Amino acid sequence: MVASRSVGAAGEAASLADRLHSAAIHLLRRLRRTDPLTGVSPAQLSALSVLMGGPRTLGDLAAVEQVQPPTMSRLIGAMERAGLVGRAPDQHDARVVWIHWTPTGEQVLVRGRELRIAALARQIEALPATDRRVLAAALGVVERLLQGL
């Protein structure tokens, strides 16, 4: 009996994981509809979001963004010309160059986040109070899940 319960729990967990994964992807895709209002390309927004964690090398950015280094180099060049990012030499290795966001790049990313949050907040506000409370409780669970990943 215990074995069948664990198989049932595993199946339920897999089903919930599948639904949560799908919902998260669809939610972010729909929220991206506000991104053109930032005035930069989706690829530029994505690169800026990676730089939110701190400066990266061109190779690091290319790997994270899953593009070839020449593609990332062109993207960063355009972003540098637009004033979104800057380059700084490594203090210990002259071959290494660190890419960082500028205050303008940070403002663009903050604006993009604000637009996405505002769009989502309008939808949440329209929910009945009971659904908002359920959502708040569910987010607590999701945040605990994130701690384990």
C-alpha atoms as a PDB file:
ATOM      1  CA  MET A   1       0.000   0.000   0.000  1.00  0.00           C
ATOM      2  CA  VAL A   2       2.844   2.414   0.792  1.00  0.00           C
ATOM      3  CA  ALA A   3       4.456   1.722  -2.602  1.00  0.00           C
ATOM      4  CA  SER A   4       1.239   2.559  -4.464  1.00  0.00           C
ATOM      5  CA  ARG A   5       0.881   5.752  -2.459  1.00  0.00           C
ATOM      6  CA  SER A   6       4.404   6.874  -3.378  1.00  0.00           C
ATOM      7  CA  VAL A   7       3.786   6.052  -7.056  1.00  0.00           C
ATOM      8  CA  GLY A   8       0.595   8.127  -6.860  1.00  0.00           C
ATOM      9  CA  ALA A   9       2.476  10.966  -5.152  1.00  0.00           C
ATOM     10  CA  ALA A  10       5.235  10.777  -7.767  1.00  0.00           C
ATOM     11  CA  GLY A  11       2.682  10.886 -10.576  1.00  0.00           C
ATOM     12  CA  GLU A  12       0.882  13.786  -8.948  1.00  0.00           C
ATOM     13  CA  ALA A  13       4.185  15.620  -8.463  1.00  0.00           C
ATOM     14  CA  ALA A  14       5.121  15.064 -12.110  1.00  0.00           C
ATOM     15  CA  SER A  15       1.737  16.345 -13.250  1.00  0.00           C
ATOM     16  CA  LEU A  16       1.993  19.443 -11.037  1.00  0.00           C
ATOM     17  CA  ALA A  17       5.559  20.052 -12.215  1.00  0.00           C
ATOM     18  CA  ASP A  18       4.426  19.844 -15.836  1.00  0.00           C
ATOM     19  CA  ARG A  19       1.545  22.286 -15.258  1.00  0.00           C
ATOM     20  CA  LEU A  20       3.734  24.727 -13.312  1.00  0.00           C
ATOM     21  CA  HIS A  21       6.451  24.609 -15.974  1.00  0.00           C
ATOM     22  CA  SER A  22       3.949  25.244 -18.743  1.00  0.00           C
ATOM     23  CA  ALA A  23       2.214  28.056 -16.842  1.00  0.00           C
ATOM     24  CA  ALA A  24       5.522  29.781 -16.060  1.00  0.00           C
ATOM     25  CA  ILE A  25       6.625  29.683 -19.688  1.00  0.00           C
ATOM     26  CA  HIS A  26       3.270  30.952 -20.968  1.00  0.00           C
ATOM     27  CA  LEU A  27       3.135  33.679 -18.334  1.00  0.00           C
ATOM     28  CA  LEU A  28       6.552  35.039 -19.284  1.00  0.00           C
ATOM     29  CA  ARG A  29       5.806  34.814 -23.010  1.00  0.00           C
ATOM     30  CA  ARG A  30       2.633  36.851 -22.572  1.00  0.00           C
ATOM     31  CA  LEU A  31       4.324  39.407 -20.342  1.00  0.00           C
ATOM     32  CA  ARG A  32       7.010  39.891 -23.015  1.00  0.00           C
ATOM     33  CA  ARG A  33       4.364  41.632 -25.103  1.00  0.00           C
ATOM     34  CA  THR A  34       5.246  44.805 -23.168  1.00  0.00           C
ATOM     35  CA  ASP A  35       8.960  44.537 -24.037  1.00  0.00           C
ATOM     36  CA  PRO A  36       8.822  46.588 -27.277  1.00  0.00           C
ATOM     37  CA  LEU A  37       7.841  49.577 -25.141  1.00  0.00           C
ATOM     38  CA  THR A  38      11.392  49.606 -23.731  1.00  0.00           C
ATOM     39  CA  GLY A  39      12.817  50.560 -27.124  1.00  0.00           C
ATOM     40  CA  VAL A  40      15.380  47.751 -27.256  1.00  0.00           C
ATOM     41  CA  SER A  41      15.350  44.327 -28.872  1.00  0.00           C
ATOM     42  CA  PRO A  42      14.424  41.146 -27.008  1.00  0.00           C
ATOM     43  CA  ALA A  43      18.030  39.932 -27.377  1.00  0.00           C
ATOM     44  CA  GLN A  44      19.309  43.142 -25.799  1.00  0.00           C
ATOM     45  CA  LEU A  45      16.842  42.869 -22.916  1.00  0.00           C
ATOM     46  CA  SER A  46      17.903  39.289 -22.362  1.00  0.00           C
ATOM     47  CA  ALA A  47      21.599  40.194 -22.296  1.00  0.00           C
ATOM     48  CA  LEU A  48      20.884  43.064 -19.888  1.00  0.00           C
ATOM     49  CA  SER A  49      19.023  40.697 -17.595  1.00  0.00           C
ATOM     50  CA  VAL A  50      22.073  38.418 -17.483  1.00  0.00           C
ATOM     51  CA  LEU A  51      24.252  41.414 -16.591  1.00  0.00           C
ATOM     52  CA  MET A  52      21.930  42.140 -13.688  1.00  0.00           C
ATOM     53  CA  GLY A  53      23.946  39.528 -11.796  1.00  0.00           C
ATOM     54  CA  GLY A  54      27.172  41.429 -12.405  1.00  0.00           C
ATOM     55  CA  PRO A  55      29.743  41.879 -15.159  1.00  0.00           C
ATOM     56  CA  ARG A  56      30.381  38.967 -17.509  1.00  0.00           C
ATOM     57  CA  THR A  57      32.874  38.201 -20.219  1.00  0.00           C
ATOM     58  CA  LEU A  58      31.712  38.033 -23.815  1.00  0.00           C
ATOM     59  CA  GLY A  59      32.194  34.248 -23.757  1.00  0.00           C
ATOM     60  CA  ASP A  60      30.124  33.928 -20.578  1.00  0.00           C
ATOM     61  CA  LEU A  61      27.318  35.969 -22.097  1.00  0.00           C
ATOM     62  CA  ALA A  62      27.377  33.929 -25.295  1.00  0.00           C
ATOM     63  CA  ALA A  63      27.179  30.690 -23.304  1.00  0.00           C
ATOM     64  CA  VAL A  64      24.331  31.870 -21.095  1.00  0.00           C
ATOM     65  CA  GLU A  65      22.401  33.252 -24.059  1.00  0.00           C
ATOM     66  CA  GLN A  66      23.181  30.117 -26.099  1.00  0.00           C
ATOM     67  CA  VAL A  67      24.629  31.968 -29.089  1.00  0.00           C
ATOM     68  CA  GLN A  68      28.018  31.888 -30.787  1.00  0.00           C
ATOM     69  CA  PRO A  69      30.618  34.428 -29.579  1.00  0.00           C
ATOM     70  CA  PRO A  70      30.589  36.394 -32.884  1.00  0.00           C
ATOM     71  CA  THR A  71      26.816  36.843 -32.530  1.00  0.00           C
ATOM     72  CA  MET A  72      27.226  38.065 -28.967  1.00  0.00           C
ATOM     73  CA  SER A  73      30.057  40.343 -30.030  1.00  0.00           C
ATOM     74  CA  ARG A  74      27.790  42.036 -32.603  1.00  0.00           C
ATOM     75  CA  LEU A  75      24.985  42.347 -30.060  1.00  0.00           C
ATOM     76  CA  ILE A  76      27.274  43.861 -27.426  1.00  0.00           C
ATOM     77  CA  GLY A  77      28.741  46.241 -30.012  1.00  0.00           C
ATOM     78  CA  ALA A  78      25.269  47.545 -30.819  1.00  0.00           C
ATOM     79  CA  MET A  79      24.421  47.783 -27.130  1.00  0.00           C
ATOM     80  CA  GLU A  80      27.640  49.667 -26.444  1.00  0.00           C
ATOM     81  CA  ARG A  81      26.887  52.152 -29.239  1.00  0.00           C
ATOM     82  CA  ALA A  82      23.405  52.635 -27.721  1.00  0.00           C
ATOM     83  CA  GLY A  83      24.950  53.314 -24.309  1.00  0.00           C
ATOM     84  CA  LEU A  84      23.406  50.236 -22.681  1.00  0.00           C
ATOM     85  CA  VAL A  85      26.653  48.458 -21.771  1.00  0.00           C
ATOM     86  CA  GLY A  86      30.296  49.244 -21.273  1.00  0.00           C
ATOM     87  CA  ARG A  87      33.530  47.296 -21.340  1.00  0.00           C
ATOM     88  CA  ALA A  88      36.215  47.183 -18.686  1.00  0.00           C
ATOM     89  CA  PRO A  89      39.574  45.394 -18.865  1.00  0.00           C
ATOM     90  CA  ASP A  90      40.353  42.743 -16.294  1.00  0.00           C
ATOM     91  CA  GLN A  91      42.833  43.996 -13.703  1.00  0.00           C
ATOM     92  CA  HIS A  92      44.823  40.758 -13.740  1.00  0.00           C
ATOM     93  CA  ASP A  93      44.540  39.480 -17.322  1.00  0.00           C
ATOM     94  CA  ALA A  94      44.734  41.935 -20.225  1.00  0.00           C
ATOM     95  CA  ARG A  95      43.102  39.373 -22.539  1.00  0.00           C
ATOM     96  CA  VAL A  96      39.862  39.465 -20.544  1.00  0.00           C
ATOM     97  CA  VAL A  97      37.251  42.167 -21.004  1.00  0.00           C
ATOM     98  CA  TRP A  98      34.266  42.480 -18.687  1.00  0.00           C
ATOM     99  CA  ILE A  99      30.901  43.612 -20.026  1.00  0.00           C
ATOM    100  CA  HIS A 100      28.732  45.580 -17.593  1.00  0.00           C
ATOM    101  CA  TRP A 101      25.510  47.484 -17.860  1.00  0.00           C
ATOM    102  CA  THR A 102      25.505  51.258 -17.766  1.00  0.00           C
ATOM    103  CA  PRO A 103      23.003  53.389 -15.866  1.00  0.00           C
ATOM    104  CA  THR A 104      21.060  53.675 -19.147  1.00  0.00           C
ATOM    105  CA  GLY A 105      21.027  49.888 -19.529  1.00  0.00           C
ATOM    106  CA  GLU A 106      19.859  49.488 -15.963  1.00  0.00           C
ATOM    107  CA  GLN A 107      17.060  52.013 -16.549  1.00  0.00           C
ATOM    108  CA  VAL A 108      15.892  50.099 -19.628  1.00  0.00           C
ATOM    109  CA  LEU A 109      15.809  46.831 -17.712  1.00  0.00           C
ATOM    110  CA  VAL A 110      14.005  48.416 -14.750  1.00  0.00           C
ATOM    111  CA  ARG A 111      11.457  49.934 -17.149  1.00  0.00           C
ATOM    112  CA  GLY A 112      10.890  46.547 -18.780  1.00  0.00           C
ATOM    113  CA  ARG A 113      10.309  44.957 -15.384  1.00  0.00           C
ATOM    114  CA  GLU A 114       7.915  47.744 -14.385  1.00  0.00           C
ATOM    115  CA  LEU A 115       5.899  47.254 -17.579  1.00  0.00           C
ATOM    116  CA  ARG A 116       5.652  43.499 -17.051  1.00  0.00           C
ATOM    117  CA  ILE A 117       4.677  43.874 -13.402  1.00  0.00           C
ATOM    118  CA  ALA A 118       2.044  46.496 -14.220  1.00  0.00           C
ATOM    119  CA  ALA A 119       0.479  44.221 -16.850  1.00  0.00           C
ATOM    120  CA  LEU A 120       0.419  41.314 -14.409  1.00  0.00           C
ATOM    121  CA  ALA A 121      -0.862  43.487 -11.547  1.00  0.00           C
ATOM    122  CA  ARG A 122      -3.860  44.569 -13.654  1.00  0.00           C
ATOM    123  CA  GLN A 123      -4.769  40.917 -14.190  1.00  0.00           C
ATOM    124  CA  ILE A 124      -4.291  40.027 -10.522  1.00  0.00           C
ATOM    125  CA  GLU A 125      -6.332  43.034  -9.413  1.00  0.00           C
ATOM    126  CA  ALA A 126      -9.253  41.774 -11.503  1.00  0.00           C
ATOM    127  CA  LEU A 127      -9.272  38.443  -9.652  1.00  0.00           C
ATOM    128  CA  PRO A 128     -11.725  37.871  -6.813  1.00  0.00           C
ATOM    129  CA  ALA A 129     -10.202  38.397  -3.351  1.00  0.00           C
ATOM    130  CA  THR A 130     -10.355  34.650  -2.678  1.00  0.00           C
ATOM    131  CA  ASP A 131      -8.269  33.911  -5.776  1.00  0.00           C
ATOM    132  CA  ARG A 132      -5.738  36.583  -4.783  1.00  0.00           C
ATOM    133  CA  ARG A 133      -5.345  34.930  -1.366  1.00  0.00           C
ATOM    134  CA  VAL A 134      -4.905  31.499  -2.995  1.00  0.00           C
ATOM    135  CA  LEU A 135      -2.329  32.994  -5.362  1.00  0.00           C
ATOM    136  CA  ALA A 136      -0.415  34.536  -2.458  1.00  0.00           C
ATOM    137  CA  ALA A 137      -0.319  31.181  -0.674  1.00  0.00           C
ATOM    138  CA  ALA A 138       0.730  29.365  -3.845  1.00  0.00           C
ATOM    139  CA  LEU A 139       3.552  31.865  -4.417  1.00  0.00           C
ATOM    140  CA  GLY A 140       4.870  31.038  -0.977  1.00  0.00           C
ATOM    141  CA  VAL A 141       5.050  27.407  -2.028  1.00  0.00           C
ATOM    142  CA  VAL A 142       6.740  28.293  -5.335  1.00  0.00           C
ATOM    143  CA  GLU A 143       9.306  30.421  -3.487  1.00  0.00           C
ATOM    144  CA  ARG A 144      10.091  27.463  -1.194  1.00  0.00           C
ATOM    145  CA  LEU A 145      10.450  25.235  -4.267  1.00  0.00           C
ATOM    146  CA  LEU A 146      12.958  27.682  -5.724  1.00  0.00           C
ATOM    147  CA  GLN A 147      15.121  27.331  -2.639  1.00  0.00           C
ATOM    148  CA  GLY A 148      15.555  23.634  -3.449  1.00  0.00           C
ATOM    149  CA  LEU A 149      16.557  24.156  -7.102  1.00  0.00           C
END
